[in-house]
Protein backbone atom coordinates (compact mmCIF):
# COMPACT_ATOMS: atom_id res chain seq x y z
CA UNK A 1 116.61 169.43 170.31
CA UNK A 2 118.41 165.79 170.16
CA UNK A 3 115.20 164.32 170.19
CA UNK A 4 114.12 166.11 167.36
CA UNK A 5 117.00 165.40 165.14
CA UNK A 6 116.57 161.70 166.33
CA UNK A 7 112.95 161.72 164.92
CA UNK A 8 113.99 163.27 161.95
CA UNK A 9 116.69 160.72 161.37
CA UNK A 10 114.29 158.03 162.00
CA UNK A 11 111.30 159.31 159.71
CA UNK A 12 113.81 159.69 156.75
CA UNK A 13 115.21 156.19 157.21
CA UNK A 14 111.73 154.49 157.61
CA UNK A 15 110.29 155.90 154.23
CA UNK A 16 112.93 154.12 152.17
CA UNK A 17 112.56 151.08 154.22
CA UNK A 18 108.66 150.86 153.92
CA UNK A 19 109.36 151.68 149.89
CA UNK A 20 111.50 148.48 149.91
CA UNK A 21 109.01 146.06 151.75
CA UNK A 22 106.19 147.48 149.41
CA UNK A 23 108.27 146.83 146.26
CA UNK A 24 109.38 143.32 147.84
CA UNK A 25 105.91 142.49 148.45
CA UNK A 26 104.68 143.71 145.37
CA UNK A 27 107.25 141.47 143.73
CA UNK A 28 106.45 138.63 145.41
CA UNK A 29 102.92 138.86 144.70
CA UNK A 30 103.65 139.40 141.04
CA UNK A 31 105.74 136.09 141.01
CA UNK A 32 103.21 134.04 142.69
CA UNK A 33 100.23 135.45 140.13
CA UNK A 34 102.71 134.93 137.28
CA UNK A 35 103.56 131.28 138.34
CA UNK A 36 100.01 130.35 138.58
CA UNK A 37 98.84 131.94 135.37
CA UNK A 38 101.71 132.88 132.89
CA UNK A 39 103.39 129.06 133.07
CA UNK A 40 102.50 126.35 131.05
CA UNK A 41 100.21 124.79 133.47
CA UNK A 42 98.42 128.27 133.34
CA UNK A 43 98.16 127.86 129.33
CA UNK A 44 96.78 124.42 130.04
CA UNK A 45 94.23 125.25 132.31
CA UNK A 46 93.08 128.14 130.46
CA UNK A 47 93.09 126.45 127.21
CA UNK A 48 90.11 124.23 128.59
CA UNK A 49 87.89 127.01 127.52
CA UNK A 50 89.15 127.49 123.93
CA UNK A 51 87.29 126.59 121.17
CA UNK A 52 88.83 124.71 118.28
CA UNK A 53 87.06 126.38 115.49
CA UNK A 54 88.35 129.82 116.66
CA UNK A 55 91.71 128.88 114.81
CA UNK A 56 90.19 126.94 111.85
CA UNK A 57 89.57 130.26 109.79
CA UNK A 58 91.69 130.34 106.78
CA UNK A 59 93.21 134.11 105.55
CA UNK A 60 94.03 133.59 101.81
CA UNK A 61 94.64 136.91 100.51
CA UNK A 62 95.67 138.82 103.37
CA UNK A 63 98.82 140.53 103.97
CA UNK A 64 100.40 140.11 107.64
CA UNK A 65 103.48 141.95 108.72
CA UNK A 66 105.39 139.95 111.62
CA UNK A 67 108.36 142.10 113.03
CA UNK A 68 111.10 139.98 114.80
CA UNK A 69 109.97 136.92 113.19
CA UNK A 70 113.14 134.75 112.55
CA UNK A 71 112.70 133.37 116.14
CA UNK A 72 110.65 132.77 119.15
CA UNK A 73 107.35 133.92 119.43
CA UNK A 74 107.84 136.27 116.12
CA UNK A 75 108.82 132.98 114.13
CA UNK A 76 105.55 130.75 115.53
CA UNK A 77 103.33 133.72 114.51
CA UNK A 78 104.53 134.17 111.03
CA UNK A 79 104.27 130.41 110.58
CA UNK A 80 100.93 130.24 111.98
CA UNK A 81 99.50 132.74 109.83
CA UNK A 82 101.64 131.16 106.89
CA UNK A 83 99.86 127.86 107.64
CA UNK A 84 96.23 129.43 107.32
CA UNK A 85 97.18 130.83 103.64
CA UNK A 86 98.23 134.37 104.54
CA UNK A 87 100.86 136.35 102.48
CA UNK A 88 103.52 136.83 105.53
CA UNK A 89 106.25 139.54 105.41
CA UNK A 90 108.73 138.45 107.88
CA UNK A 91 110.68 141.79 109.41
CA UNK A 92 113.91 140.53 110.52
CA UNK A 93 117.34 142.76 111.78
CA UNK A 94 119.55 139.81 110.43
CA UNK A 95 119.34 138.70 106.86
CA UNK A 96 121.23 135.22 107.37
CA UNK A 97 118.85 134.47 110.34
CA UNK A 98 115.77 135.75 108.82
CA UNK A 99 116.72 133.52 105.29
CA UNK A 100 116.54 130.35 107.10
CA UNK A 101 113.46 131.01 109.18
CA UNK A 102 111.73 131.96 105.89
CA UNK A 103 112.92 129.02 104.11
CA UNK A 104 111.86 126.68 107.00
CA UNK A 105 108.58 128.24 107.04
CA UNK A 106 107.80 127.93 103.39
CA UNK A 107 109.06 124.18 103.71
CA UNK A 108 106.60 123.68 106.76
CA UNK A 109 103.50 124.96 105.52
CA UNK A 110 103.85 124.85 101.66
CA UNK A 111 103.17 128.58 101.38
CA UNK A 112 105.36 130.27 98.76
CA UNK A 113 104.09 133.78 99.98
CA UNK A 114 106.49 134.14 102.25
CA UNK A 115 109.06 137.24 102.08
CA UNK A 116 111.94 138.38 104.00
CA UNK A 117 112.07 142.21 104.81
CA UNK A 118 115.63 143.32 106.62
CA UNK A 119 115.23 146.17 108.91
CA UNK A 120 117.02 147.17 112.13
CA UNK A 121 113.85 148.14 114.43
CA UNK A 122 116.41 150.03 116.79
CA UNK A 123 117.01 152.75 113.86
CA UNK A 124 114.00 155.25 113.10
CA UNK A 125 115.99 155.75 109.81
CA UNK A 126 116.02 152.07 108.90
CA UNK A 127 112.26 151.78 109.97
CA UNK A 128 111.34 154.72 107.18
CA UNK A 129 113.79 153.32 104.51
CA UNK A 130 111.57 149.84 105.09
CA UNK A 131 108.13 151.56 104.73
CA UNK A 132 109.15 153.42 101.85
CA UNK A 133 110.17 150.36 99.98
CA UNK A 134 107.35 148.43 101.42
CA UNK A 135 104.64 151.26 100.83
CA UNK A 136 105.78 151.03 97.02
CA UNK A 137 104.40 147.86 97.03
CA UNK A 138 100.85 149.34 97.44
CA UNK A 139 99.33 146.56 98.98
CA UNK A 140 96.79 146.59 101.87
CA UNK A 141 98.22 145.49 105.11
CA UNK A 142 95.36 143.49 106.97
CA UNK A 143 97.73 142.67 110.34
CA UNK A 144 100.61 144.09 111.82
CA UNK A 145 102.26 142.18 114.49
CA UNK A 146 104.63 144.35 116.30
CA UNK A 147 106.36 141.22 118.08
CA UNK A 148 110.17 142.51 118.17
CA UNK A 149 111.48 143.02 121.56
CA UNK A 150 114.22 143.37 123.56
CA UNK A 151 115.47 143.41 126.95
CA UNK A 152 119.19 144.46 127.60
CA UNK A 153 120.66 144.64 131.13
CA UNK A 154 123.45 147.45 130.21
CA UNK A 155 122.91 151.04 129.22
CA UNK A 156 123.65 151.23 125.45
CA UNK A 157 123.01 153.96 123.28
CA UNK A 158 121.77 153.55 119.69
CA UNK A 159 123.77 155.60 116.67
CA UNK A 160 120.55 157.91 116.87
CA UNK A 161 121.01 158.67 120.53
CA UNK A 162 118.49 156.71 122.11
CA UNK A 163 118.54 153.97 125.09
CA UNK A 164 118.66 150.70 123.34
CA UNK A 165 115.55 148.90 124.85
CA UNK A 166 113.23 152.15 124.56
CA UNK A 167 114.59 152.29 120.86
CA UNK A 168 113.20 148.81 119.80
CA UNK A 169 110.06 148.22 122.38
CA UNK A 170 108.58 151.91 122.12
CA UNK A 171 110.13 154.06 119.54
CA UNK A 172 110.14 151.57 116.93
CA UNK A 173 106.95 150.08 117.78
CA UNK A 174 105.45 153.52 117.32
CA UNK A 175 107.30 154.41 114.04
CA UNK A 176 106.49 151.41 112.15
CA UNK A 177 102.98 151.40 113.23
CA UNK A 178 102.20 155.08 112.25
CA UNK A 179 104.12 154.64 108.97
CA UNK A 180 102.07 151.39 108.09
CA UNK A 181 98.88 153.50 108.84
CA UNK A 182 97.89 154.46 104.94
CA UNK A 183 98.37 150.60 104.18
CA UNK A 184 96.37 149.53 107.01
CA UNK A 185 93.59 152.02 106.15
CA UNK A 186 93.66 150.43 102.80
CA UNK A 187 92.42 146.82 104.23
CA UNK A 188 89.77 148.89 106.54
CA UNK A 189 87.54 147.68 108.02
CA UNK A 190 89.47 144.40 108.86
CA UNK A 191 92.76 145.87 109.36
CA UNK A 192 94.09 145.33 112.81
CA UNK A 193 97.44 145.96 114.82
CA UNK A 194 98.54 143.48 117.43
CA UNK A 195 101.40 144.33 120.00
CA UNK A 196 103.14 141.85 121.86
CA UNK A 197 103.78 143.04 125.54
CA UNK A 198 104.62 141.31 128.47
CA UNK A 199 103.38 140.51 132.21
CA UNK A 200 106.35 142.55 133.25
CA UNK A 201 104.35 145.70 132.42
CA UNK A 202 101.86 144.75 135.31
CA UNK A 203 104.60 146.08 137.78
CA UNK A 204 105.54 149.32 135.73
CA UNK A 205 103.38 152.42 135.83
CA UNK A 206 103.45 154.40 132.80
CA UNK A 207 106.23 157.31 132.93
CA UNK A 208 107.60 160.13 131.03
CA UNK A 209 111.18 158.87 131.90
CA UNK A 210 111.50 157.22 128.53
CA UNK A 211 114.98 156.52 128.44
CA UNK A 212 115.49 156.06 132.28
CA UNK A 213 117.77 159.07 132.97
CA UNK A 214 116.36 159.90 136.49
CA UNK A 215 118.14 156.75 138.29
CA UNK A 216 120.43 154.04 137.99
CA UNK A 217 119.66 152.17 134.75
CA UNK A 218 117.84 148.79 135.52
CA UNK A 219 117.26 146.79 132.23
CA UNK A 220 114.47 144.79 133.80
CA UNK A 221 112.55 147.79 135.07
CA UNK A 222 113.29 149.45 131.57
CA UNK A 223 111.72 146.45 129.71
CA UNK A 224 108.35 146.54 132.13
CA UNK A 225 108.19 150.23 131.46
CA UNK A 226 108.65 149.94 127.69
CA UNK A 227 105.69 147.05 127.95
CA UNK A 228 103.26 149.58 129.95
CA UNK A 229 104.08 151.98 127.14
CA UNK A 230 102.86 149.69 124.67
CA UNK A 231 99.58 148.94 126.17
CA UNK A 232 98.84 152.62 127.02
CA UNK A 233 99.55 153.33 123.14
CA UNK A 234 97.15 150.72 121.98
CA UNK A 235 94.27 152.41 124.11
CA UNK A 236 95.65 155.74 122.32
CA UNK A 237 95.73 154.29 118.98
CA UNK A 238 92.29 152.69 119.37
CA UNK A 239 90.87 156.37 120.41
CA UNK A 240 92.39 158.29 117.76
CA UNK A 241 91.64 155.99 114.87
CA UNK A 242 88.44 154.30 115.81
CA UNK A 243 86.51 155.50 112.65
CA UNK A 244 89.58 154.46 110.31
CA UNK A 245 88.56 150.94 110.27
CA UNK A 246 91.64 149.66 112.03
CA UNK A 247 91.38 147.41 115.30
CA UNK A 248 94.31 147.94 117.95
CA UNK A 249 95.07 144.97 120.32
CA UNK A 250 97.73 144.45 122.65
CA UNK A 251 98.48 141.12 124.48
CA UNK A 252 100.40 139.30 126.86
CA UNK A 253 102.23 135.76 125.34
CA UNK A 254 102.65 134.28 128.91
CA UNK A 255 106.10 133.22 129.93
CA UNK A 256 107.53 131.38 127.02
CA UNK A 257 110.68 129.42 126.55
CA UNK A 258 111.85 131.28 123.41
CA UNK A 259 115.88 132.25 122.84
CA UNK A 260 115.28 135.76 123.65
CA UNK A 261 114.30 134.87 127.23
CA UNK A 262 117.21 132.52 127.62
CA UNK A 263 119.47 135.06 126.69
CA UNK A 264 118.14 137.75 128.66
CA UNK A 265 117.10 135.82 131.51
CA UNK A 266 118.89 132.88 131.99
CA UNK A 267 118.32 132.45 135.77
CA UNK A 268 114.54 132.80 135.20
CA UNK A 269 114.91 130.54 131.96
CA UNK A 270 116.89 127.91 134.21
CA UNK A 271 114.73 128.25 137.38
CA UNK A 272 111.57 127.61 135.46
CA UNK A 273 112.91 124.97 132.97
CA UNK A 274 110.21 122.60 132.04
CA UNK A 275 107.45 125.12 133.22
CA UNK A 276 107.61 127.62 130.51
CA UNK A 277 105.18 127.63 127.56
CA UNK A 278 106.54 126.71 124.04
CA UNK A 279 106.80 129.66 121.42
CA UNK A 280 104.04 128.55 119.93
CA UNK A 281 101.53 128.59 122.89
CA UNK A 282 103.06 132.09 123.58
CA UNK A 283 101.76 133.01 119.81
CA UNK A 284 98.51 131.22 120.35
CA UNK A 285 96.47 134.84 121.48
CA UNK A 286 98.45 136.48 118.65
CA UNK A 287 97.35 134.07 115.92
CA UNK A 288 93.60 133.94 117.57
CA UNK A 289 93.44 137.85 117.43
CA UNK A 290 94.50 137.95 113.72
CA UNK A 291 91.84 135.46 112.88
CA UNK A 292 88.93 136.68 115.04
CA UNK A 293 85.83 138.42 113.17
CA UNK A 294 86.46 142.02 114.92
CA UNK A 295 83.32 142.53 116.18
CA UNK A 296 84.25 139.54 118.51
CA UNK A 297 87.32 142.07 119.65
CA UNK A 298 87.51 145.22 121.70
CA UNK A 299 89.85 147.69 120.15
CA UNK A 300 92.50 149.06 122.62
CA UNK A 301 92.18 146.12 124.71
CA UNK A 302 94.77 143.97 126.63
CA UNK A 303 94.27 140.11 125.83
CA UNK A 304 95.57 136.99 127.46
CA UNK A 305 94.70 133.41 126.39
CA UNK A 306 92.33 134.28 124.29
CA UNK A 307 90.69 136.62 126.60
CA UNK A 308 90.27 140.14 127.39
CA UNK A 309 92.45 140.79 130.45
CA UNK A 310 92.92 143.49 133.20
CA UNK A 311 95.42 146.29 132.41
CA UNK A 312 96.38 147.01 136.15
CA UNK A 313 96.42 144.84 138.97
CA UNK A 314 95.68 145.65 142.36
CA UNK A 315 99.00 145.35 143.90
CA UNK A 316 100.82 147.12 141.66
CA UNK A 317 99.81 150.78 141.65
CA UNK A 318 99.94 151.80 138.00
CA UNK A 319 96.04 152.54 137.79
CA UNK A 320 95.74 156.11 136.61
CA UNK A 321 99.18 156.25 135.40
CA UNK A 322 97.89 156.38 131.67
CA UNK A 323 96.69 159.97 131.52
CA UNK A 324 100.67 160.79 130.87
CA UNK A 325 100.17 158.98 127.09
CA UNK A 326 99.37 162.32 125.39
CA UNK A 327 102.61 163.88 126.20
CA UNK A 328 104.61 160.46 125.78
CA UNK A 329 102.65 160.32 122.21
CA UNK A 330 104.41 163.93 121.63
CA UNK A 331 107.72 163.04 122.91
CA UNK A 332 107.62 159.78 120.20
CA UNK A 333 106.33 161.95 117.44
CA UNK A 334 109.32 164.44 118.01
CA UNK A 335 111.57 161.73 118.50
CA UNK A 336 110.65 160.09 115.35
CA UNK A 337 110.14 163.28 113.25
CA UNK A 338 106.90 162.14 112.17
CA UNK A 339 104.05 164.92 111.71
CA UNK A 340 100.86 164.13 113.29
């Protein structure tokens, strides 16, 4: 009896230890992979295959919406599109910071067709108000860039009762995309939705625990989960709207030195100081996706450094989890009170 009890105790203690080792190994493998590919040196290596003519397209007369456009990758994206003649609508939470970024872009590009739309993407109610205001313009939306993102380490609930990271990264992305569909359809067959994901999604399988209710809250893990949902959502949208003339693409900007990264991951930012990409390098593939002829792109695909990239890494054990996306979409539709 004593031996049986000892055997049982050893068995149950080995399992979490094995899981710990596996998780540590995956984290280490991902860190090495990321350091080689996602940093500035990775961008410089990959850019040897870039074609300069791909970025020389001018898109006068095309309407582009960029969320989170007052700083970082969103700002670099808005500036890059404006410099190529697009009419750009910058969706920002903070009016003052948005106005400052808007003025700077107009001055630097000489393009006066750049506008500010104030909206807090953590609020479904505000997104609906923005969509209603914007829809009254009755303009086709050629490009929607879902860039706004958040990594909050503490468990914070929005006024609508949602976990804050999820509210911005997942529910906000879902709601604004669904509400812009009528205007995207007006721009068909050239309309496209580009969602800025993250390499963090490689460490996270898709899960129905959208608001991290089933374990102790971890903001970094939640961010990775959110970014995995974005990639799976992009696949689902591509399937749902394949005959509507809208292309859906997700992308990874690499590890860029942005105000958001400096605030959310100060240790990471400091440790890789001088090795991170610039915001412009992070935005490069977003702009590339906005400019390419759609026949060169694969709707539903995930892109990194101007090329289609895998959605799963061998060591991460995330493959197969995307089968959950249908039930997740049902939940998002319910949370946002949007009809199908």
